[in-house]
C-alpha atoms as a PDB file:
ATOM      1  CA  UNK A   1      28.732 156.884 144.735  1.00  0.00           C
ATOM      2  CA  UNK A   2      25.870 155.824 142.482  1.00  0.00           C
ATOM      3  CA  UNK A   3      23.831 158.903 143.148  1.00  0.00           C
ATOM      4  CA  UNK A   4      22.620 160.183 139.791  1.00  0.00           C
ATOM      5  CA  UNK A   5      20.007 162.581 141.075  1.00  0.00           C
ATOM      6  CA  UNK A   6      20.077 165.828 139.153  1.00  0.00           C
ATOM      7  CA  UNK A   7      19.829 169.141 140.857  1.00  0.00           C
ATOM      8  CA  UNK A   8      17.476 171.798 139.581  1.00  0.00           C
ATOM      9  CA  UNK A   9      18.219 175.269 140.885  1.00  0.00           C
ATOM     10  CA  UNK A  10      17.169 178.704 139.790  1.00  0.00           C
ATOM     11  CA  UNK A  11      18.780 181.275 142.069  1.00  0.00           C
ATOM     12  CA  UNK A  12      20.955 184.352 142.107  1.00  0.00           C
ATOM     13  CA  UNK A  13      24.680 183.793 141.982  1.00  0.00           C
ATOM     14  CA  UNK A  14      25.381 184.613 145.601  1.00  0.00           C
ATOM     15  CA  UNK A  15      22.426 186.227 147.328  1.00  0.00           C
ATOM     16  CA  UNK A  16      20.104 183.877 149.236  1.00  0.00           C
ATOM     17  CA  UNK A  17      16.401 184.586 149.734  1.00  0.00           C
ATOM     18  CA  UNK A  18      15.417 187.249 152.248  1.00  0.00           C
ATOM     19  CA  UNK A  19      13.506 184.670 154.281  1.00  0.00           C
ATOM     20  CA  UNK A  20      16.793 183.090 155.261  1.00  0.00           C
ATOM     21  CA  UNK A  21      17.738 186.252 157.154  1.00  0.00           C
ATOM     22  CA  UNK A  22      14.882 185.723 159.580  1.00  0.00           C
ATOM     23  CA  UNK A  23      15.851 182.090 159.997  1.00  0.00           C
ATOM     24  CA  UNK A  24      19.456 182.953 160.777  1.00  0.00           C
ATOM     25  CA  UNK A  25      18.356 185.719 163.131  1.00  0.00           C
ATOM     26  CA  UNK A  26      17.054 182.905 165.347  1.00  0.00           C
ATOM     27  CA  UNK A  27      20.483 181.245 165.022  1.00  0.00           C
ATOM     28  CA  UNK A  28      19.017 178.352 163.033  1.00  0.00           C
ATOM     29  CA  UNK A  29      19.394 175.282 165.201  1.00  0.00           C
ATOM     30  CA  UNK A  30      17.797 174.072 168.422  1.00  0.00           C
ATOM     31  CA  UNK A  31      21.215 173.746 170.019  1.00  0.00           C
ATOM     32  CA  UNK A  32      21.522 177.529 170.049  1.00  0.00           C
ATOM     33  CA  UNK A  33      18.038 177.864 171.527  1.00  0.00           C
ATOM     34  CA  UNK A  34      19.582 176.709 174.786  1.00  0.00           C
ATOM     35  CA  UNK A  35      21.653 179.890 174.768  1.00  0.00           C
ATOM     36  CA  UNK A  36      18.532 182.009 175.146  1.00  0.00           C
ATOM     37  CA  UNK A  37      17.495 180.092 178.231  1.00  0.00           C
ATOM     38  CA  UNK A  38      20.947 180.092 179.756  1.00  0.00           C
ATOM     39  CA  UNK A  39      21.062 183.891 179.721  1.00  0.00           C
ATOM     40  CA  UNK A  40      17.970 184.139 181.924  1.00  0.00           C
ATOM     41  CA  UNK A  41      16.709 182.660 185.167  1.00  0.00           C
ATOM     42  CA  UNK A  42      15.716 179.023 184.930  1.00  0.00           C
ATOM     43  CA  UNK A  43      14.773 176.508 187.557  1.00  0.00           C
ATOM     44  CA  UNK A  44      17.347 174.070 188.889  1.00  0.00           C
ATOM     45  CA  UNK A  45      15.415 171.196 187.346  1.00  0.00           C
ATOM     46  CA  UNK A  46      15.335 172.927 183.955  1.00  0.00           C
ATOM     47  CA  UNK A  47      19.058 173.633 184.147  1.00  0.00           C
ATOM     48  CA  UNK A  48      19.814 170.026 185.074  1.00  0.00           C
ATOM     49  CA  UNK A  49      17.633 168.858 182.186  1.00  0.00           C
ATOM     50  CA  UNK A  50      19.579 171.097 179.798  1.00  0.00           C
ATOM     51  CA  UNK A  51      22.889 169.908 181.192  1.00  0.00           C
ATOM     52  CA  UNK A  52      21.899 166.289 180.680  1.00  0.00           C
ATOM     53  CA  UNK A  53      20.689 167.005 177.141  1.00  0.00           C
ATOM     54  CA  UNK A  54      23.846 168.847 176.072  1.00  0.00           C
ATOM     55  CA  UNK A  55      25.990 166.065 177.536  1.00  0.00           C
ATOM     56  CA  UNK A  56      24.132 163.529 175.390  1.00  0.00           C
ATOM     57  CA  UNK A  57      24.534 165.696 172.285  1.00  0.00           C
ATOM     58  CA  UNK A  58      28.244 166.299 172.796  1.00  0.00           C
ATOM     59  CA  UNK A  59      30.554 164.433 170.454  1.00  0.00           C
ATOM     60  CA  UNK A  60      34.173 165.483 170.239  1.00  0.00           C
ATOM     61  CA  UNK A  61      35.826 165.671 166.835  1.00  0.00           C
ATOM     62  CA  UNK A  62      39.603 165.948 166.537  1.00  0.00           C
ATOM     63  CA  UNK A  63      40.754 167.844 163.470  1.00  0.00           C
ATOM     64  CA  UNK A  64      44.478 168.596 163.186  1.00  0.00           C
ATOM     65  CA  UNK A  65      45.271 172.281 162.899  1.00  0.00           C
ATOM     66  CA  UNK A  66      42.032 173.348 164.604  1.00  0.00           C
ATOM     67  CA  UNK A  67      42.078 176.714 166.327  1.00  0.00           C
ATOM     68  CA  UNK A  68      42.086 177.240 170.086  1.00  0.00           C
ATOM     69  CA  UNK A  69      38.344 177.651 170.491  1.00  0.00           C
ATOM     70  CA  UNK A  70      38.523 178.236 174.244  1.00  0.00           C
ATOM     71  CA  UNK A  71      40.727 181.259 173.647  1.00  0.00           C
ATOM     72  CA  UNK A  72      38.502 182.522 170.833  1.00  0.00           C
ATOM     73  CA  UNK A  73      35.386 182.393 172.980  1.00  0.00           C
ATOM     74  CA  UNK A  74      37.108 183.943 175.988  1.00  0.00           C
ATOM     75  CA  UNK A  75      38.134 186.916 173.824  1.00  0.00           C
ATOM     76  CA  UNK A  76      34.800 187.047 171.977  1.00  0.00           C
ATOM     77  CA  UNK A  77      36.579 186.472 168.680  1.00  0.00           C
ATOM     78  CA  UNK A  78      34.655 185.411 165.551  1.00  0.00           C
ATOM     79  CA  UNK A  79      33.978 181.682 165.296  1.00  0.00           C
ATOM     80  CA  UNK A  80      32.750 179.316 162.595  1.00  0.00           C
ATOM     81  CA  UNK A  81      30.187 176.506 162.812  1.00  0.00           C
ATOM     82  CA  UNK A  82      29.609 173.842 160.155  1.00  0.00           C
ATOM     83  CA  UNK A  83      25.899 173.000 159.988  1.00  0.00           C
ATOM     84  CA  UNK A  84      25.239 169.447 158.796  1.00  0.00           C
ATOM     85  CA  UNK A  85      21.835 167.909 158.123  1.00  0.00           C
ATOM     86  CA  UNK A  86      21.115 164.259 157.391  1.00  0.00           C
ATOM     87  CA  UNK A  87      17.797 162.508 156.834  1.00  0.00           C
ATOM     88  CA  UNK A  88      18.343 158.741 157.059  1.00  0.00           C
ATOM     89  CA  UNK A  89      17.451 156.646 160.087  1.00  0.00           C
ATOM     90  CA  UNK A  90      18.886 157.667 163.444  1.00  0.00           C
ATOM     91  CA  UNK A  91      22.212 159.047 164.569  1.00  0.00           C
ATOM     92  CA  UNK A  92      24.549 156.317 165.761  1.00  0.00           C
ATOM     93  CA  UNK A  93      23.311 153.832 163.157  1.00  0.00           C
ATOM     94  CA  UNK A  94      25.809 151.674 161.262  1.00  0.00           C
ATOM     95  CA  UNK A  95      24.925 153.338 157.957  1.00  0.00           C
ATOM     96  CA  UNK A  96      25.467 157.066 158.415  1.00  0.00           C
ATOM     97  CA  UNK A  97      23.747 158.313 155.273  1.00  0.00           C
ATOM     98  CA  UNK A  98      24.753 161.590 153.648  1.00  0.00           C
ATOM     99  CA  UNK A  99      24.664 165.190 154.780  1.00  0.00           C
ATOM    100  CA  UNK A 100      22.389 166.736 152.186  1.00  0.00           C
ATOM    101  CA  UNK A 101      22.418 170.042 154.071  1.00  0.00           C
ATOM    102  CA  UNK A 102      25.795 171.726 154.572  1.00  0.00           C
ATOM    103  CA  UNK A 103      26.340 175.337 155.594  1.00  0.00           C
ATOM    104  CA  UNK A 104      29.270 177.328 156.952  1.00  0.00           C
ATOM    105  CA  UNK A 105      28.102 179.835 159.540  1.00  0.00           C
ATOM    106  CA  UNK A 106      30.380 182.471 161.055  1.00  0.00           C
ATOM    107  CA  UNK A 107      29.485 184.682 164.007  1.00  0.00           C
ATOM    108  CA  UNK A 108      31.329 187.991 164.426  1.00  0.00           C
ATOM    109  CA  UNK A 109      30.093 189.676 167.630  1.00  0.00           C
ATOM    110  CA  UNK A 110      32.190 192.839 167.327  1.00  0.00           C
ATOM    111  CA  UNK A 111      30.964 193.607 163.817  1.00  0.00           C
ATOM    112  CA  UNK A 112      27.447 192.393 164.721  1.00  0.00           C
ATOM    113  CA  UNK A 113      27.447 190.175 161.658  1.00  0.00           C
ATOM    114  CA  UNK A 114      26.601 186.602 160.753  1.00  0.00           C
ATOM    115  CA  UNK A 115      27.756 185.073 157.477  1.00  0.00           C
ATOM    116  CA  UNK A 116      26.063 181.963 156.132  1.00  0.00           C
ATOM    117  CA  UNK A 117      27.358 180.025 153.122  1.00  0.00           C
ATOM    118  CA  UNK A 118      25.276 177.175 151.676  1.00  0.00           C
ATOM    119  CA  UNK A 119      27.248 174.391 149.993  1.00  0.00           C
ATOM    120  CA  UNK A 120      25.781 172.297 147.146  1.00  0.00           C
ATOM    121  CA  UNK A 121      25.234 168.711 148.271  1.00  0.00           C
ATOM    122  CA  UNK A 122      26.626 167.427 144.949  1.00  0.00           C
ATOM    123  CA  UNK A 123      29.751 169.622 144.922  1.00  0.00           C
ATOM    124  CA  UNK A 124      32.705 167.753 143.442  1.00  0.00           C
ATOM    125  CA  UNK A 125      35.550 167.409 145.960  1.00  0.00           C
ATOM    126  CA  UNK A 126      38.541 165.303 146.866  1.00  0.00           C
ATOM    127  CA  UNK A 127      37.900 163.695 150.241  1.00  0.00           C
ATOM    128  CA  UNK A 128      40.585 164.561 152.784  1.00  0.00           C
ATOM    129  CA  UNK A 129      41.242 161.034 154.092  1.00  0.00           C
ATOM    130  CA  UNK A 130      39.670 158.893 151.371  1.00  0.00           C
ATOM    131  CA  UNK A 131      41.525 159.529 148.103  1.00  0.00           C
ATOM    132  CA  UNK A 132      40.447 156.086 146.877  1.00  0.00           C
ATOM    133  CA  UNK A 133      36.851 157.344 146.696  1.00  0.00           C
ATOM    134  CA  UNK A 134      37.721 160.691 145.122  1.00  0.00           C
ATOM    135  CA  UNK A 135      36.473 162.647 143.335  1.00  0.00           C
ATOM    136  CA  UNK A 136      33.224 162.437 145.258  1.00  0.00           C
ATOM    137  CA  UNK A 137      30.182 164.488 146.165  1.00  0.00           C
ATOM    138  CA  UNK A 138      30.765 166.479 149.321  1.00  0.00           C
ATOM    139  CA  UNK A 139      27.669 165.013 150.968  1.00  0.00           C
ATOM    140  CA  UNK A 140      29.456 161.631 151.030  1.00  0.00           C
ATOM    141  CA  UNK A 141      32.298 162.910 153.236  1.00  0.00           C
ATOM    142  CA  UNK A 142      30.147 162.195 156.281  1.00  0.00           C
ATOM    143  CA  UNK A 143      29.322 158.722 154.934  1.00  0.00           C
ATOM    144  CA  UNK A 144      32.957 157.693 154.797  1.00  0.00           C
ATOM    145  CA  UNK A 145      34.448 159.501 157.760  1.00  0.00           C
ATOM    146  CA  UNK A 146      31.699 161.072 159.854  1.00  0.00           C
ATOM    147  CA  UNK A 147      31.650 164.687 160.976  1.00  0.00           C
ATOM    148  CA  UNK A 148      35.448 164.769 161.124  1.00  0.00           C
ATOM    149  CA  UNK A 149      35.752 164.031 157.402  1.00  0.00           C
ATOM    150  CA  UNK A 150      33.031 166.544 156.541  1.00  0.00           C
ATOM    151  CA  UNK A 151      34.870 169.242 158.502  1.00  0.00           C
ATOM    152  CA  UNK A 152      38.265 168.450 156.978  1.00  0.00           C
ATOM    153  CA  UNK A 153      36.898 168.344 153.451  1.00  0.00           C
ATOM    154  CA  UNK A 154      35.204 171.734 153.821  1.00  0.00           C
ATOM    155  CA  UNK A 155      38.344 173.217 155.387  1.00  0.00           C
ATOM    156  CA  UNK A 156      40.545 171.886 152.582  1.00  0.00           C
ATOM    157  CA  UNK A 157      38.224 172.817 149.726  1.00  0.00           C
ATOM    158  CA  UNK A 158      37.704 176.422 150.828  1.00  0.00           C
ATOM    159  CA  UNK A 159      40.840 176.985 152.947  1.00  0.00           C
ATOM    160  CA  UNK A 160      38.854 178.122 155.977  1.00  0.00           C
ATOM    161  CA  UNK A 161      38.950 176.972 159.617  1.00  0.00           C
ATOM    162  CA  UNK A 162      35.929 175.226 161.119  1.00  0.00           C
ATOM    163  CA  UNK A 163      35.715 175.670 164.899  1.00  0.00           C
ATOM    164  CA  UNK A 164      32.495 173.825 165.702  1.00  0.00           C
ATOM    165  CA  UNK A 165      29.935 171.605 164.040  1.00  0.00           C
ATOM    166  CA  UNK A 166      26.266 170.827 164.614  1.00  0.00           C
ATOM    167  CA  UNK A 167      24.792 167.679 163.049  1.00  0.00           C
ATOM    168  CA  UNK A 168      20.991 167.386 162.923  1.00  0.00           C
ATOM    169  CA  UNK A 169      19.116 164.265 161.866  1.00  0.00           C
ATOM    170  CA  UNK A 170      16.045 165.679 160.137  1.00  0.00           C
ATOM    171  CA  UNK A 171      14.465 162.249 159.792  1.00  0.00           C
ATOM    172  CA  UNK A 172      14.432 161.737 163.538  1.00  0.00           C
ATOM    173  CA  UNK A 173      12.932 165.079 164.499  1.00  0.00           C
ATOM    174  CA  UNK A 174       9.364 163.883 163.922  1.00  0.00           C
ATOM    175  CA  UNK A 175       9.005 162.529 167.458  1.00  0.00           C
ATOM    176  CA  UNK A 176      10.481 165.700 168.968  1.00  0.00           C
ATOM    177  CA  UNK A 177       7.927 167.753 167.019  1.00  0.00           C
ATOM    178  CA  UNK A 178       5.098 165.552 168.280  1.00  0.00           C
ATOM    179  CA  UNK A 179       6.446 165.837 171.852  1.00  0.00           C
ATOM    180  CA  UNK A 180       6.016 169.634 171.797  1.00  0.00           C
ATOM    181  CA  UNK A 181       2.546 169.466 170.257  1.00  0.00           C
ATOM    182  CA  UNK A 182       3.543 170.191 166.662  1.00  0.00           C
ATOM    183  CA  UNK A 183       4.943 173.285 164.955  1.00  0.00           C
ATOM    184  CA  UNK A 184       3.433 176.035 162.844  1.00  0.00           C
ATOM    185  CA  UNK A 185       5.178 176.814 159.537  1.00  0.00           C
ATOM    186  CA  UNK A 186       4.284 178.997 156.541  1.00  0.00           C
ATOM    187  CA  UNK A 187       5.018 177.255 153.254  1.00  0.00           C
ATOM    188  CA  UNK A 188       7.036 179.201 150.653  1.00  0.00           C
ATOM    189  CA  UNK A 189       5.351 177.280 147.812  1.00  0.00           C
ATOM    190  CA  UNK A 190       2.354 175.086 146.961  1.00  0.00           C
ATOM    191  CA  UNK A 191       2.981 171.336 146.661  1.00  0.00           C
ATOM    192  CA  UNK A 192       1.891 167.882 147.803  1.00  0.00           C
ATOM    193  CA  UNK A 193       4.178 165.168 149.083  1.00  0.00           C
ATOM    194  CA  UNK A 194       3.770 161.943 151.045  1.00  0.00           C
ATOM    195  CA  UNK A 195       0.038 162.440 151.466  1.00  0.00           C
ATOM    196  CA  UNK A 196       0.421 165.996 152.783  1.00  0.00           C
ATOM    197  CA  UNK A 197      -0.516 169.188 150.927  1.00  0.00           C
ATOM    198  CA  UNK A 198       0.849 172.687 151.472  1.00  0.00           C
ATOM    199  CA  UNK A 199      -0.213 176.084 150.125  1.00  0.00           C
ATOM    200  CA  UNK A 200       2.109 179.001 149.477  1.00  0.00           C
ATOM    201  CA  UNK A 201       1.765 181.760 152.059  1.00  0.00           C
ATOM    202  CA  UNK A 202      -0.500 179.773 154.373  1.00  0.00           C
ATOM    203  CA  UNK A 203       0.572 178.949 157.919  1.00  0.00           C
ATOM    204  CA  UNK A 204      -0.103 175.343 158.878  1.00  0.00           C
ATOM    205  CA  UNK A 205       0.183 173.556 162.204  1.00  0.00           C
ATOM    206  CA  UNK A 206       2.125 170.369 161.469  1.00  0.00           C
ATOM    207  CA  UNK A 207       2.637 167.177 163.408  1.00  0.00           C
ATOM    208  CA  UNK A 208       5.896 165.261 163.080  1.00  0.00           C
ATOM    209  CA  UNK A 209       4.910 163.261 159.992  1.00  0.00           C
ATOM    210  CA  UNK A 210       3.560 166.298 158.138  1.00  0.00           C
ATOM    211  CA  UNK A 211       6.641 168.372 159.011  1.00  0.00           C
ATOM    212  CA  UNK A 212       8.953 165.688 157.637  1.00  0.00           C
ATOM    213  CA  UNK A 213       6.937 165.529 154.406  1.00  0.00           C
ATOM    214  CA  UNK A 214       7.322 169.298 154.208  1.00  0.00           C
ATOM    215  CA  UNK A 215      11.118 169.031 154.487  1.00  0.00           C
ATOM    216  CA  UNK A 216      11.718 166.056 152.208  1.00  0.00           C
ATOM    217  CA  UNK A 217      10.245 167.162 148.882  1.00  0.00           C
ATOM    218  CA  UNK A 218      12.913 168.255 146.387  1.00  0.00           C
ATOM    219  CA  UNK A 219      12.027 167.554 142.755  1.00  0.00           C
ATOM    220  CA  UNK A 220       8.885 169.734 142.675  1.00  0.00           C
ATOM    221  CA  UNK A 221      10.758 172.717 144.093  1.00  0.00           C
ATOM    222  CA  UNK A 222      11.927 175.137 141.356  1.00  0.00           C
ATOM    223  CA  UNK A 223      15.090 175.674 143.417  1.00  0.00           C
ATOM    224  CA  UNK A 224      15.677 171.960 143.905  1.00  0.00           C
ATOM    225  CA  UNK A 225      17.774 171.020 146.907  1.00  0.00           C
ATOM    226  CA  UNK A 226      18.322 174.665 147.833  1.00  0.00           C
ATOM    227  CA  UNK A 227      14.575 175.069 148.329  1.00  0.00           C
ATOM    228  CA  UNK A 228      14.455 171.922 150.430  1.00  0.00           C
ATOM    229  CA  UNK A 229      17.199 173.282 152.672  1.00  0.00           C
ATOM    230  CA  UNK A 230      15.157 176.422 153.259  1.00  0.00           C
ATOM    231  CA  UNK A 231      12.130 174.355 154.284  1.00  0.00           C
ATOM    232  CA  UNK A 232      14.286 172.302 156.632  1.00  0.00           C
ATOM    233  CA  UNK A 233      15.474 175.512 158.301  1.00  0.00           C
ATOM    234  CA  UNK A 234      11.881 176.731 158.634  1.00  0.00           C
ATOM    235  CA  UNK A 235      10.906 173.566 160.514  1.00  0.00           C
ATOM    236  CA  UNK A 236      13.998 173.619 162.736  1.00  0.00           C
ATOM    237  CA  UNK A 237      13.379 177.273 163.578  1.00  0.00           C
ATOM    238  CA  UNK A 238       9.727 176.586 164.437  1.00  0.00           C
ATOM    239  CA  UNK A 239      10.810 173.714 166.673  1.00  0.00           C
ATOM    240  CA  UNK A 240      13.433 175.939 168.272  1.00  0.00           C
ATOM    241  CA  UNK A 241      10.829 178.576 169.149  1.00  0.00           C
ATOM    242  CA  UNK A 242       8.742 175.916 170.850  1.00  0.00           C
ATOM    243  CA  UNK A 243      11.784 174.528 172.669  1.00  0.00           C
ATOM    244  CA  UNK A 244      12.688 177.705 174.546  1.00  0.00           C
ATOM    245  CA  UNK A 245       9.551 177.733 176.700  1.00  0.00           C
ATOM    246  CA  UNK A 246       9.959 176.675 180.354  1.00  0.00           C
ATOM    247  CA  UNK A 247       7.382 173.902 179.937  1.00  0.00           C
ATOM    248  CA  UNK A 248       9.378 172.389 177.081  1.00  0.00           C
ATOM    249  CA  UNK A 249      12.640 172.472 179.020  1.00  0.00           C
ATOM    250  CA  UNK A 250      10.861 170.459 181.711  1.00  0.00           C
ATOM    251  CA  UNK A 251       9.559 167.999 179.093  1.00  0.00           C
ATOM    252  CA  UNK A 252      11.928 165.059 179.446  1.00  0.00           C
ATOM    253  CA  UNK A 253      10.373 163.223 176.461  1.00  0.00           C
ATOM    254  CA  UNK A 254      11.193 166.172 174.199  1.00  0.00           C
ATOM    255  CA  UNK A 255      14.714 166.537 175.578  1.00  0.00           C
ATOM    256  CA  UNK A 256      15.368 162.831 175.122  1.00  0.00           C
ATOM    257  CA  UNK A 257      14.104 163.043 171.534  1.00  0.00           C
ATOM    258  CA  UNK A 258      16.157 166.106 170.617  1.00  0.00           C
ATOM    259  CA  UNK A 259      19.331 164.852 172.301  1.00  0.00           C
ATOM    260  CA  UNK A 260      19.186 161.653 170.249  1.00  0.00           C
ATOM    261  CA  UNK A 261      18.923 163.601 166.978  1.00  0.00           C
ATOM    262  CA  UNK A 262      21.635 166.257 167.448  1.00  0.00           C
ATOM    263  CA  UNK A 263      25.399 165.903 167.740  1.00  0.00           C
ATOM    264  CA  UNK A 264      27.828 168.753 168.334  1.00  0.00           C
ATOM    265  CA  UNK A 265      31.258 169.504 169.780  1.00  0.00           C
ATOM    266  CA  UNK A 266      29.775 172.520 171.575  1.00  0.00           C
ATOM    267  CA  UNK A 267      29.859 171.958 175.326  1.00  0.00           C
ATOM    268  CA  UNK A 268      27.406 173.538 177.754  1.00  0.00           C
ATOM    269  CA  UNK A 269      30.184 175.965 178.689  1.00  0.00           C
ATOM    270  CA  UNK A 270      30.693 176.877 175.031  1.00  0.00           C
ATOM    271  CA  UNK A 271      26.971 177.534 174.648  1.00  0.00           C
ATOM    272  CA  UNK A 272      26.978 179.842 177.655  1.00  0.00           C
ATOM    273  CA  UNK A 273      29.799 181.881 176.129  1.00  0.00           C
ATOM    274  CA  UNK A 274      28.151 181.909 172.712  1.00  0.00           C
ATOM    275  CA  UNK A 275      25.089 183.451 174.333  1.00  0.00           C
ATOM    276  CA  UNK A 276      26.970 186.762 174.285  1.00  0.00           C
ATOM    277  CA  UNK A 277      27.334 186.425 170.480  1.00  0.00           C
ATOM    278  CA  UNK A 278      23.621 186.907 169.822  1.00  0.00           C
ATOM    279  CA  UNK A 279      24.238 190.456 168.625  1.00  0.00           C
ATOM    280  CA  UNK A 280      26.036 188.945 165.631  1.00  0.00           C
ATOM    281  CA  UNK A 281      22.666 188.126 164.083  1.00  0.00           C
ATOM    282  CA  UNK A 282      21.721 191.804 163.692  1.00  0.00           C
ATOM    283  CA  UNK A 283      23.279 191.784 160.219  1.00  0.00           C
ATOM    284  CA  UNK A 284      23.198 188.642 158.116  1.00  0.00           C
ATOM    285  CA  UNK A 285      25.126 188.012 154.917  1.00  0.00           C
ATOM    286  CA  UNK A 286      23.963 184.956 152.998  1.00  0.00           C
ATOM    287  CA  UNK A 287      25.815 183.377 150.100  1.00  0.00           C
ATOM    288  CA  UNK A 288      25.655 180.234 148.032  1.00  0.00           C
ATOM    289  CA  UNK A 289      28.627 178.454 146.488  1.00  0.00           C
ATOM    290  CA  UNK A 290      27.534 178.438 142.854  1.00  0.00           C
ATOM    291  CA  UNK A 291      28.429 175.405 140.790  1.00  0.00           C
ATOM    292  CA  UNK A 292      27.841 174.130 137.266  1.00  0.00           C
ATOM    293  CA  UNK A 293      26.668 170.710 136.110  1.00  0.00           C
ATOM    294  CA  UNK A 294      29.264 168.122 135.111  1.00  0.00           C
ATOM    295  CA  UNK A 295      28.884 164.391 134.503  1.00  0.00           C
ATOM    296  CA  UNK A 296      31.817 162.122 135.278  1.00  0.00           C
ATOM    297  CA  UNK A 297      31.574 158.357 134.746  1.00  0.00           C
ATOM    298  CA  UNK A 298      27.799 158.636 134.709  1.00  0.00           C
ATOM    299  CA  UNK A 299      27.627 160.602 137.980  1.00  0.00           C
ATOM    300  CA  UNK A 300      26.282 164.154 138.077  1.00  0.00           C
ATOM    301  CA  UNK A 301      28.338 166.691 140.027  1.00  0.00           C
ATOM    302  CA  UNK A 302      28.159 170.373 140.801  1.00  0.00           C
ATOM    303  CA  UNK A 303      31.584 171.812 140.001  1.00  0.00           C
ATOM    304  CA  UNK A 304      32.443 174.998 141.888  1.00  0.00           C
ATOM    305  CA  UNK A 305      35.149 176.870 139.982  1.00  0.00           C
ATOM    306  CA  UNK A 306      38.480 177.888 141.483  1.00  0.00           C
ATOM    307  CA  UNK A 307      37.421 181.535 141.261  1.00  0.00           C
ATOM    308  CA  UNK A 308      34.176 180.823 143.120  1.00  0.00           C
ATOM    309  CA  UNK A 309      35.944 178.802 145.790  1.00  0.00           C
ATOM    310  CA  UNK A 310      38.433 181.610 146.287  1.00  0.00           C
ATOM    311  CA  UNK A 311      35.590 184.127 146.567  1.00  0.00           C
ATOM    312  CA  UNK A 312      33.832 182.029 149.216  1.00  0.00           C
ATOM    313  CA  UNK A 313      37.135 181.549 151.042  1.00  0.00           C
ATOM    314  CA  UNK A 314      37.815 185.281 151.074  1.00  0.00           C
ATOM    315  CA  UNK A 315      34.348 186.091 152.412  1.00  0.00           C
ATOM    316  CA  UNK A 316      34.485 183.487 155.191  1.00  0.00           C
ATOM    317  CA  UNK A 317      38.027 184.377 156.219  1.00  0.00           C
ATOM    318  CA  UNK A 318      37.200 188.086 156.304  1.00  0.00           C
ATOM    319  CA  UNK A 319      34.189 187.384 158.508  1.00  0.00           C
ATOM    320  CA  UNK A 320      36.540 185.557 160.892  1.00  0.00           C
ATOM    321  CA  UNK A 321      39.042 188.425 160.912  1.00  0.00           C
ATOM    322  CA  UNK A 322      41.594 186.430 158.907  1.00  0.00           C
ATOM    323  CA  UNK A 323      43.689 187.562 155.962  1.00  0.00           C
ATOM    324  CA  UNK A 324      42.926 186.130 152.503  1.00  0.00           C
ATOM    325  CA  UNK A 325      44.811 182.973 151.594  1.00  0.00           C
ATOM    326  CA  UNK A 326      45.115 181.220 148.246  1.00  0.00           C
ATOM    327  CA  UNK A 327      43.137 177.971 148.040  1.00  0.00           C
ATOM    328  CA  UNK A 328      44.778 174.697 147.097  1.00  0.00           C
ATOM    329  CA  UNK A 329      43.954 173.954 143.456  1.00  0.00           C
ATOM    330  CA  UNK A 330      45.555 170.509 143.350  1.00  0.00           C
END
C-alpha cells in the first residue's frame, strides 16, 4: 500500500491516441496471434506445439455470476477480455507484484467493433474480497487475490461482466524476444533509460533487454503511465507479428518462453472460435477512465467519479449488447 508514485498524464478525456487503433487491430496480445495460425493450414508438429503452449498458459479462474462463455462463443455473441500486465519477476512466484496495465477489451463481431478501455493503475477502489485493505489502488487487486480478484474488482467497480482474462508478465518477455531474434519498434518519443536510447519516429531493432528498457520508463513520458502502457503494447504487438511465422511456431524455446509468461482462461477451443471474431477489429473505439488526483493517508490515488464510472459502464455494456445498469456507489 505504500506506493506514493505520482502519475503525470496529459491526455484527452476519453479518446486514446490513434496509434492504439493499429495496435488493437492486431488484437494486442500474443495469445490471439495463435488465432491467425489456427485459421490456416499448419503442420501437425506446429499444431501440437501450439496445443502444448496453450495448455501451459491455461489457468482457470472461477468468478461467481460469470456468463456462459461457451454459449456466447457458439452464438458469436460479444465477449469481454480483461488485459492484465505485470512487470515483476516471473509468473508463479510467491510475490505476485501488481498489474500496472489494465484494460477492458470487448469484441463485437456482428457490429465489427472492438472497444478498449484503459484503467488507471492508481484508481481508488474497494477490493471485492479484501475489505480490510480497502480503499486500495486497483493494481493491488492482483497482489492480494490474483487474477480472480482483479476480475471481480473491475466487474464490481464498473458493473460490467468479464468473460476472459489474459495476464502477461512484461518482465519475463525478454527471453522470448531474444528467442525470435529481437523485435523492431518505432518509438513514439525520444528518451534514454537503463542504458538504452530511443528517438521519436525512428524504428529500432531491439533485443530483449533493450525492449524491456523501452517498456519500463514512465517518469520521463509526458503521459506518464498511460504512455508506458502504449509502449508495452507496441512491443507485444511486434513480438506477436514475429510469433505467427511457421518457423517461430516450430521454435520450442520461444514457445516455452512465451507459455511461462502468459496466463489466460482461454482454452485452445476458445481461441479457435475467437478466430471468427477478427472482423471486430475493423472499427476500434478507445477510451480511458479519467480520474483526478487525491491523497489519502499519504497515498496518492486516481479517483474516477461516479459519473465517469457510469459512462464507462454504459459504453462497455452497450458494446456487449447489454442494457445500461446503475453502478453501485457504496
